[in-house]
Amino acid sequence: MENSKGLFVRGSTGLVREAGFVDAVSVNVANMSVGAALGTVGFTLASLPTVSGVNLVAASIIAFTLSIPQIITYTTLTKHIPRTGGDYVWLTRAFGAKLAWLVFGLALGFVIESLVYYSLIAIAGVDQLSLILPLLGVNIAITPVESIVFSIALFAIIVAVNIMGTKYGIRLMTGLTLFSILSLILSFLVLFLTPRVKIIEAVSSLLPNGYTYSKVASQYTGPYFALGPTIMMLPFFAIYIYPWLNAGPAMSSEIKGRRAVSLNVPTAALLTMLLATIGFTAMYHALGFNFVTAALSNPSINGTVNYWTIAMAASSNPVLAWIIGIGSVTWNLAILAYGAIIVVRYWFAMSFDRVLPSFLTYLSPRFGSPIYAHLLDLTITSILITLAGVFYGTFTALYGAVVEALLYYMAIGAAAVVIGIKGAGLMSLSKPGKAALAVSGMLQAAVMGFLTYQFLEYPSIWGGNPLAYGVEAAAVLIGIVLYFVSRELNRRRLGIDIALTYTEIPPE
């Protein structure tokens, strides 16, 4: 029942603990998008000024190492402040009432950035489907309009499952993620165990006319590793993989068991690092460093040759090819399935604080799900999918929108420093624990600052354009305006200053 006089909409969220440890790890793995990263890395390599010395295995390990402070920060805060909305709650409570307007704007911008990403992933999933079907003997051409309609339909089905019950949405996400991981492991076995001669013969059939394996491999003459060019790839991993640890924490109040709450972030981060690093290693092992680097960085080739098509061609087995091919698509579906769960948790938390309309916290008596929050998610994402399909020139056109997410994660690092130094009345930690949290927060903020610099310094590579930056700047400004409007409305109608909600931890 809604409380018209309390700081929060009601005395408890009403959400039920439906997620186990495997679910919590799966939602983080889906969030970290390793399957999509393996399939699209060629588009980024083709944009670099040089690929000489770019080693994807080394880049993955370096990126993971730089994410360790964030892993510590998120693990600590999730363990001690497990609430719906996760890092949104930590950020707003650390900075309190005075900066509530700014941090809410950052948080809303982060959510909108996530929706932009999901719209691109939806279209990328359909594109991947159109790419693998001919390899499976199914020749179907998908037009741009059909791609938009199909993408929206896929997301609508996922949202409908979540509306029918949170547990069904969680099971769908976990099932898609586990199948995707299985397909990836099978692809590892194919690429590591199949003789290179057979893989070269199979992959040669994917090359455009006029290209051969030896001709492509001979186009690369650089070293196996150079630090500078490899560091240039870090923003790619920031777009897809290592900073994206917020999914489990955002639904932490719905996770069963303290150990599952505490361990889901580091477990998912380590598992994802292994999957990504082994994936890049498998490509190099199967086809050689020179060929992989030259092929993936060649725009004439990387439209048909990527990690997944290589593994499918190398399998030489229709059943394996189907499993691997379907897995390449379910990685994208898993991202959409996790997004349908997690973005709604942010809408819910913001509404629970009375900043967004309270109807977004409504739980269906029949299904027990936040039905209106899901419908809002579907509406906005459908609009973005349509805009992405009609107006965005390439898949990388909105990479630059990730800058807002990096600034958000930088702010989370700063929030961890505040909590670690001042305590902020939010959690009880020993002095060494507070010091460790403050240090990890500072390092996290520094890493995010460096990644932001890379994005802004090389806009032509990372989608830095007025469209990408404009979308996120507008989202932050809208968030700030919404906060002030909501504050005034709540003050007039209920006599409540919503700034005070940011001084208290919300109920579970």
Foldseek 3Di string as FASTA:
>chain_A
DADLFDLFRDQALLFAQQAELLLLLLLLLLQLLLLVLQLQVLLLLLLDPDCFFAAQLVLLVVLLVLLVLVLLQQLVQLLFFQDAQFLLLLLLLLVFLVCNLQSLLLLLLLLVLLLLLLLLLLLVLVLLLCLLCVVLVHHDDADLVNSLVNSLVLLVVLLVLCLLAVNSLSVLLSVLSVLLVVLLVLLLCLLQPFALVLLLVLCQVQFDPPDHLVRLLVVHDHDNHDVPSNNLCSLSSLLRHRVRQCLSSNNSVNYPDSCSSNCSRVVSSVVSSVSNSSLSVSVCSNRNPSNVSRQSNDPNRSSNDGSLNSSLSSNPDSVSNVSSSVSSSSSSSSNSSSSLVRSLSNVLVCVRLQLDPVLQSDADPNHRHSSVSSVVSSVSSSVSSVCCSPPQDDSQQQLLLCLSVLVSQLSSLVSQLSCLPVVLVRGDDDVVSSVSSNVSSVSRNVSSVVSSCSCVVCVSSRNPDCVNVVSSVVSSVVSSVSRVVSQVVSCVPSVDRSSNVSSDRRHD
